[in-house]
C-alpha atoms as a PDB file:
ATOM      1  CA  UNK A   1      -0.041  -0.022   0.078  1.00  0.00           C
ATOM      2  CA  UNK A   2       1.270   3.450  -0.997  1.00  0.00           C
ATOM      3  CA  UNK A   3       1.992   6.232   1.528  1.00  0.00           C
ATOM      4  CA  UNK A   4      -0.693   8.773   2.383  1.00  0.00           C
ATOM      5  CA  UNK A   5      -0.012  12.054   0.643  1.00  0.00           C
ATOM      6  CA  UNK A   6      -0.584  15.483   2.181  1.00  0.00           C
ATOM      7  CA  UNK A   7      -2.713  18.041   0.311  1.00  0.00           C
ATOM      8  CA  UNK A   8      -0.291  20.101  -1.452  1.00  0.00           C
ATOM      9  CA  UNK A   9      -2.355  23.279  -1.423  1.00  0.00           C
ATOM     10  CA  UNK A  10      -2.735  23.064   2.270  1.00  0.00           C
ATOM     11  CA  UNK A  11       0.961  22.315   2.915  1.00  0.00           C
ATOM     12  CA  UNK A  12       1.831  25.632   1.169  1.00  0.00           C
ATOM     13  CA  UNK A  13      -0.838  27.571   3.202  1.00  0.00           C
ATOM     14  CA  UNK A  14      -0.589  26.318   6.752  1.00  0.00           C
ATOM     15  CA  UNK A  15       2.248  25.784   9.262  1.00  0.00           C
ATOM     16  CA  UNK A  16       1.969  23.875  12.538  1.00  0.00           C
ATOM     17  CA  UNK A  17       2.936  25.463  15.824  1.00  0.00           C
ATOM     18  CA  UNK A  18       2.822  24.119  19.349  1.00  0.00           C
ATOM     19  CA  UNK A  19      -0.805  25.444  19.886  1.00  0.00           C
ATOM     20  CA  UNK A  20      -2.241  24.709  16.301  1.00  0.00           C
ATOM     21  CA  UNK A  21      -2.016  25.958  12.819  1.00  0.00           C
ATOM     22  CA  UNK A  22      -0.784  29.235  11.628  1.00  0.00           C
ATOM     23  CA  UNK A  23      -2.263  30.994   8.462  1.00  0.00           C
ATOM     24  CA  UNK A  24      -1.876  34.180   6.458  1.00  0.00           C
ATOM     25  CA  UNK A  25      -4.579  36.816   6.027  1.00  0.00           C
ATOM     26  CA  UNK A  26      -6.567  36.519   2.840  1.00  0.00           C
ATOM     27  CA  UNK A  27      -7.076  39.296   0.206  1.00  0.00           C
ATOM     28  CA  UNK A  28      -3.373  40.377   0.273  1.00  0.00           C
ATOM     29  CA  UNK A  29      -2.031  38.780  -2.995  1.00  0.00           C
ATOM     30  CA  UNK A  30      -2.917  41.075  -5.979  1.00  0.00           C
ATOM     31  CA  UNK A  31      -4.943  44.130  -7.077  1.00  0.00           C
ATOM     32  CA  UNK A  32      -3.753  46.194  -4.081  1.00  0.00           C
ATOM     33  CA  UNK A  33      -3.745  49.463  -5.791  1.00  0.00           C
ATOM     34  CA  UNK A  34      -7.404  50.154  -5.040  1.00  0.00           C
ATOM     35  CA  UNK A  35      -7.063  48.983  -1.300  1.00  0.00           C
ATOM     36  CA  UNK A  36      -6.346  51.629   1.325  1.00  0.00           C
ATOM     37  CA  UNK A  37      -3.027  51.600   3.035  1.00  0.00           C
ATOM     38  CA  UNK A  38      -4.790  51.079   6.487  1.00  0.00           C
ATOM     39  CA  UNK A  39      -6.523  47.950   5.172  1.00  0.00           C
ATOM     40  CA  UNK A  40      -3.285  46.563   3.645  1.00  0.00           C
ATOM     41  CA  UNK A  41      -1.542  47.255   6.982  1.00  0.00           C
ATOM     42  CA  UNK A  42      -4.166  45.402   9.010  1.00  0.00           C
ATOM     43  CA  UNK A  43      -3.905  42.275   6.780  1.00  0.00           C
ATOM     44  CA  UNK A  44      -0.150  41.977   7.543  1.00  0.00           C
ATOM     45  CA  UNK A  45       1.113  39.092   9.661  1.00  0.00           C
ATOM     46  CA  UNK A  46      -0.381  35.702  10.612  1.00  0.00           C
ATOM     47  CA  UNK A  47      -3.082  34.443  12.759  1.00  0.00           C
ATOM     48  CA  UNK A  48      -4.220  31.033  14.099  1.00  0.00           C
ATOM     49  CA  UNK A  49      -6.743  28.870  12.544  1.00  0.00           C
ATOM     50  CA  UNK A  50     -10.163  28.708  14.233  1.00  0.00           C
ATOM     51  CA  UNK A  51     -11.058  25.571  16.407  1.00  0.00           C
ATOM     52  CA  UNK A  52     -13.878  24.581  14.033  1.00  0.00           C
ATOM     53  CA  UNK A  53     -11.383  24.300  11.073  1.00  0.00           C
ATOM     54  CA  UNK A  54      -8.667  22.417  12.855  1.00  0.00           C
ATOM     55  CA  UNK A  55     -10.044  18.923  12.051  1.00  0.00           C
ATOM     56  CA  UNK A  56     -10.243  19.775   8.409  1.00  0.00           C
ATOM     57  CA  UNK A  57      -6.661  20.932   8.331  1.00  0.00           C
ATOM     58  CA  UNK A  58      -5.414  18.058  10.363  1.00  0.00           C
ATOM     59  CA  UNK A  59      -6.953  15.593   7.780  1.00  0.00           C
ATOM     60  CA  UNK A  60      -5.428  17.468   4.823  1.00  0.00           C
ATOM     61  CA  UNK A  61      -2.081  17.422   6.412  1.00  0.00           C
ATOM     62  CA  UNK A  62      -2.594  13.756   7.539  1.00  0.00           C
ATOM     63  CA  UNK A  63      -1.931  14.557  11.167  1.00  0.00           C
ATOM     64  CA  UNK A  64      -4.693  12.237  12.323  1.00  0.00           C
END
């Protein structure tokens, strides 16, 4: 039987920490000229994945 593969899209987007999964803010990739500087500044940095989404990410990353 072959090895279980991780979801390649999820592996690029999430990183595991001691307390859960870390993720980047959405809407910060392109077409940023029309967005205000304040909005772009608030989208900087990372945040933690919500508790409701943890089981889904665990499954995609094969951490079950």
